[in-house]
Amino acid sequence: MTCMKLLGQKLAARDFDRQTAELQLCIAILNRFTALSIPVTQPAD
């Protein structure tokens, strides 16, 4: 539930399907942040 602490304390949606979409959005944002922080190494010429 780290996603909830970073992006909001609780779910805003009341409907289960909308809650699912909200969680998937949180996960997508966290995955993007993780992808941005992974260094790309290249061998020296």
PDB file of N, CA and C in Angstrom:
ATOM      1  N   MET A   1       0.798  -1.190   0.000  1.00  0.00           N
ATOM      2  CA  MET A   1       0.000   0.000   0.000  1.00  0.00           C
ATOM      3  C   MET A   1       0.849   1.266   0.000  1.00  0.00           C
ATOM      4  N   THR A   2       2.095   1.166  -0.371  1.00  0.00           N
ATOM      5  CA  THR A   2       2.951   2.346  -0.458  1.00  0.00           C
ATOM      6  C   THR A   2       2.399   3.321  -1.475  1.00  0.00           C
ATOM      7  N   CYS A   3       1.800   2.808  -2.522  1.00  0.00           N
ATOM      8  CA  CYS A   3       1.198   3.666  -3.545  1.00  0.00           C
ATOM      9  C   CYS A   3       0.189   4.616  -2.931  1.00  0.00           C
ATOM     10  N   MET A   4      -0.607   4.141  -2.018  1.00  0.00           N
ATOM     11  CA  MET A   4      -1.642   4.972  -1.423  1.00  0.00           C
ATOM     12  C   MET A   4      -1.037   6.088  -0.583  1.00  0.00           C
ATOM     13  N   LYS A   5       0.076   5.818   0.100  1.00  0.00           N
ATOM     14  CA  LYS A   5       0.707   6.841   0.920  1.00  0.00           C
ATOM     15  C   LYS A   5       1.359   7.909   0.053  1.00  0.00           C
ATOM     16  N   LEU A   6       1.881   7.529  -1.102  1.00  0.00           N
ATOM     17  CA  LEU A   6       2.524   8.489  -1.977  1.00  0.00           C
ATOM     18  C   LEU A   6       1.522   9.314  -2.774  1.00  0.00           C
ATOM     19  N   LEU A   7       0.461   8.711  -3.214  1.00  0.00           N
ATOM     20  CA  LEU A   7      -0.460   9.368  -4.129  1.00  0.00           C
ATOM     21  C   LEU A   7      -1.810   9.701  -3.507  1.00  0.00           C
ATOM     22  N   GLY A   8      -1.966   9.546  -2.232  1.00  0.00           N
ATOM     23  CA  GLY A   8      -3.228   9.852  -1.554  1.00  0.00           C
ATOM     24  C   GLY A   8      -3.451   8.886  -0.408  1.00  0.00           C
ATOM     25  N   GLN A   9      -4.154   9.333   0.595  1.00  0.00           N
ATOM     26  CA  GLN A   9      -4.328   8.508   1.786  1.00  0.00           C
ATOM     27  C   GLN A   9      -5.387   7.416   1.614  1.00  0.00           C
ATOM     28  N   LYS A  10      -6.391   7.657   0.783  1.00  0.00           N
ATOM     29  CA  LYS A  10      -7.432   6.651   0.600  1.00  0.00           C
ATOM     30  C   LYS A  10      -7.993   6.753  -0.809  1.00  0.00           C
ATOM     31  N   LEU A  11      -8.750   5.749  -1.176  1.00  0.00           N
ATOM     32  CA  LEU A  11      -9.376   5.742  -2.496  1.00  0.00           C
ATOM     33  C   LEU A  11     -10.493   6.772  -2.540  1.00  0.00           C
ATOM     34  N   ALA A  12     -10.554   7.526  -3.612  1.00  0.00           N
ATOM     35  CA  ALA A  12     -11.597   8.535  -3.764  1.00  0.00           C
ATOM     36  C   ALA A  12     -12.887   7.927  -4.317  1.00  0.00           C
ATOM     37  N   ALA A  13     -12.748   6.894  -5.148  1.00  0.00           N
ATOM     38  CA  ALA A  13     -13.914   6.293  -5.797  1.00  0.00           C
ATOM     39  C   ALA A  13     -14.650   5.368  -4.827  1.00  0.00           C
ATOM     40  N   ARG A  14     -15.955   5.288  -4.988  1.00  0.00           N
ATOM     41  CA  ARG A  14     -16.762   4.385  -4.157  1.00  0.00           C
ATOM     42  C   ARG A  14     -17.074   3.076  -4.871  1.00  0.00           C
ATOM     43  N   ASP A  15     -17.181   3.125  -6.180  1.00  0.00           N
ATOM     44  CA  ASP A  15     -17.508   1.953  -6.979  1.00  0.00           C
ATOM     45  C   ASP A  15     -16.267   1.057  -7.086  1.00  0.00           C
ATOM     46  N   PHE A  16     -16.476  -0.256  -6.985  1.00  0.00           N
ATOM     47  CA  PHE A  16     -15.347  -1.191  -7.001  1.00  0.00           C
ATOM     48  C   PHE A  16     -14.550  -1.097  -8.294  1.00  0.00           C
ATOM     49  N   ASP A  17     -15.237  -0.996  -9.442  1.00  0.00           N
ATOM     50  CA  ASP A  17     -14.536  -0.916 -10.723  1.00  0.00           C
ATOM     51  C   ASP A  17     -13.691   0.351 -10.804  1.00  0.00           C
ATOM     52  N   ARG A  18     -14.199   1.436 -10.296  1.00  0.00           N
ATOM     53  CA  ARG A  18     -13.440   2.689 -10.302  1.00  0.00           C
ATOM     54  C   ARG A  18     -12.275   2.641  -9.326  1.00  0.00           C
ATOM     55  N   GLN A  19     -12.443   1.955  -8.199  1.00  0.00           N
ATOM     56  CA  GLN A  19     -11.348   1.771  -7.257  1.00  0.00           C
ATOM     57  C   GLN A  19     -10.231   0.961  -7.909  1.00  0.00           C
ATOM     58  N   THR A  20     -10.615  -0.065  -8.655  1.00  0.00           N
ATOM     59  CA  THR A  20      -9.636  -0.883  -9.367  1.00  0.00           C
ATOM     60  C   THR A  20      -8.859  -0.038 -10.372  1.00  0.00           C
ATOM     61  N   ALA A  21      -9.563   0.796 -11.119  1.00  0.00           N
ATOM     62  CA  ALA A  21      -8.908   1.673 -12.087  1.00  0.00           C
ATOM     63  C   ALA A  21      -7.989   2.667 -11.382  1.00  0.00           C
ATOM     64  N   GLU A  22      -8.406   3.164 -10.238  1.00  0.00           N
ATOM     65  CA  GLU A  22      -7.594   4.118  -9.480  1.00  0.00           C
ATOM     66  C   GLU A  22      -6.295   3.460  -8.994  1.00  0.00           C
ATOM     67  N   LEU A  23      -6.404   2.235  -8.504  1.00  0.00           N
ATOM     68  CA  LEU A  23      -5.204   1.511  -8.066  1.00  0.00           C
ATOM     69  C   LEU A  23      -4.283   1.201  -9.241  1.00  0.00           C
ATOM     70  N   GLN A  24      -4.850   0.823 -10.385  1.00  0.00           N
ATOM     71  CA  GLN A  24      -4.028   0.548 -11.564  1.00  0.00           C
ATOM     72  C   GLN A  24      -3.302   1.801 -12.014  1.00  0.00           C
ATOM     73  N   LEU A  25      -3.930   2.946 -11.893  1.00  0.00           N
ATOM     74  CA  LEU A  25      -3.290   4.205 -12.238  1.00  0.00           C
ATOM     75  C   LEU A  25      -2.131   4.497 -11.295  1.00  0.00           C
ATOM     76  N   CYS A  26      -2.327   4.277 -10.001  1.00  0.00           N
ATOM     77  CA  CYS A  26      -1.240   4.458  -9.022  1.00  0.00           C
ATOM     78  C   CYS A  26      -0.060   3.548  -9.360  1.00  0.00           C
ATOM     79  N   ILE A  27      -0.342   2.321  -9.687  1.00  0.00           N
ATOM     80  CA  ILE A  27       0.707   1.358 -10.013  1.00  0.00           C
ATOM     81  C   ILE A  27       1.434   1.775 -11.280  1.00  0.00           C
ATOM     82  N   ALA A  28       0.701   2.254 -12.279  1.00  0.00           N
ATOM     83  CA  ALA A  28       1.326   2.709 -13.521  1.00  0.00           C
ATOM     84  C   ALA A  28       2.256   3.893 -13.274  1.00  0.00           C
ATOM     85  N   ILE A  29       1.829   4.812 -12.414  1.00  0.00           N
ATOM     86  CA  ILE A  29       2.673   5.971 -12.091  1.00  0.00           C
ATOM     87  C   ILE A  29       3.938   5.525 -11.375  1.00  0.00           C
ATOM     88  N   LEU A  30       3.794   4.632 -10.405  1.00  0.00           N
ATOM     89  CA  LEU A  30       4.981   4.145  -9.682  1.00  0.00           C
ATOM     90  C   LEU A  30       5.918   3.369 -10.601  1.00  0.00           C
ATOM     91  N   ASN A  31       5.367   2.584 -11.523  1.00  0.00           N
ATOM     92  CA  ASN A  31       6.206   1.860 -12.477  1.00  0.00           C
ATOM     93  C   ASN A  31       6.975   2.823 -13.373  1.00  0.00           C
ATOM     94  N   ARG A  32       6.340   3.919 -13.751  1.00  0.00           N
ATOM     95  CA  ARG A  32       7.014   4.920 -14.592  1.00  0.00           C
ATOM     96  C   ARG A  32       8.142   5.592 -13.819  1.00  0.00           C
ATOM     97  N   PHE A  33       7.905   5.929 -12.558  1.00  0.00           N
ATOM     98  CA  PHE A  33       8.960   6.515 -11.729  1.00  0.00           C
ATOM     99  C   PHE A  33      10.130   5.545 -11.585  1.00  0.00           C
ATOM    100  N   THR A  34       9.825   4.274 -11.404  1.00  0.00           N
ATOM    101  CA  THR A  34      10.884   3.265 -11.282  1.00  0.00           C
ATOM    102  C   THR A  34      11.673   3.156 -12.576  1.00  0.00           C
ATOM    103  N   ALA A  35      10.991   3.162 -13.707  1.00  0.00           N
ATOM    104  CA  ALA A  35      11.663   3.067 -15.004  1.00  0.00           C
ATOM    105  C   ALA A  35      12.562   4.277 -15.248  1.00  0.00           C
ATOM    106  N   LEU A  36      12.159   5.436 -14.793  1.00  0.00           N
ATOM    107  CA  LEU A  36      12.967   6.639 -14.979  1.00  0.00           C
ATOM    108  C   LEU A  36      14.231   6.617 -14.127  1.00  0.00           C
ATOM    109  N   SER A  37      14.183   5.931 -12.988  1.00  0.00           N
ATOM    110  CA  SER A  37      15.334   5.949 -12.093  1.00  0.00           C
ATOM    111  C   SER A  37      16.332   4.825 -12.356  1.00  0.00           C
ATOM    112  N   ILE A  38      16.030   3.895 -13.264  1.00  0.00           N
ATOM    113  CA  ILE A  38      16.952   2.810 -13.571  1.00  0.00           C
ATOM    114  C   ILE A  38      18.027   3.343 -14.521  1.00  0.00           C
ATOM    115  N   PRO A  39      19.290   3.276 -14.112  1.00  0.00           N
ATOM    116  CA  PRO A  39      20.346   3.803 -14.973  1.00  0.00           C
ATOM    117  C   PRO A  39      20.590   2.908 -16.193  1.00  0.00           C
ATOM    118  N   VAL A  40      20.918   3.527 -17.278  1.00  0.00           N
ATOM    119  CA  VAL A  40      21.261   2.803 -18.504  1.00  0.00           C
ATOM    120  C   VAL A  40      22.776   2.887 -18.645  1.00  0.00           C
ATOM    121  N   THR A  41      23.437   1.750 -18.553  1.00  0.00           N
ATOM    122  CA  THR A  41      24.889   1.728 -18.641  1.00  0.00           C
ATOM    123  C   THR A  41      25.307   1.304 -20.051  1.00  0.00           C
ATOM    124  N   GLN A  42      26.365   1.923 -20.518  1.00  0.00           N
ATOM    125  CA  GLN A  42      26.912   1.582 -21.831  1.00  0.00           C
ATOM    126  C   GLN A  42      28.405   1.358 -21.671  1.00  0.00           C
ATOM    127  N   PRO A  43      28.952   0.396 -22.419  1.00  0.00           N
ATOM    128  CA  PRO A  43      30.383   0.145 -22.328  1.00  0.00           C
ATOM    129  C   PRO A  43      31.175   1.320 -22.923  1.00  0.00           C
ATOM    130  N   ALA A  44      32.320   1.578 -22.314  1.00  0.00           N
ATOM    131  CA  ALA A  44      33.198   2.648 -22.820  1.00  0.00           C
ATOM    132  C   ALA A  44      33.880   2.169 -24.106  1.00  0.00           C
ATOM    133  N   ASP A  45      34.015   3.063 -25.052  1.00  0.00           N
ATOM    134  CA  ASP A  45      34.662   2.722 -26.323  1.00  0.00           C
ATOM    135  C   ASP A  45      36.161   2.730 -26.198  1.00  0.00           C
TER     136      ASP A  45
END
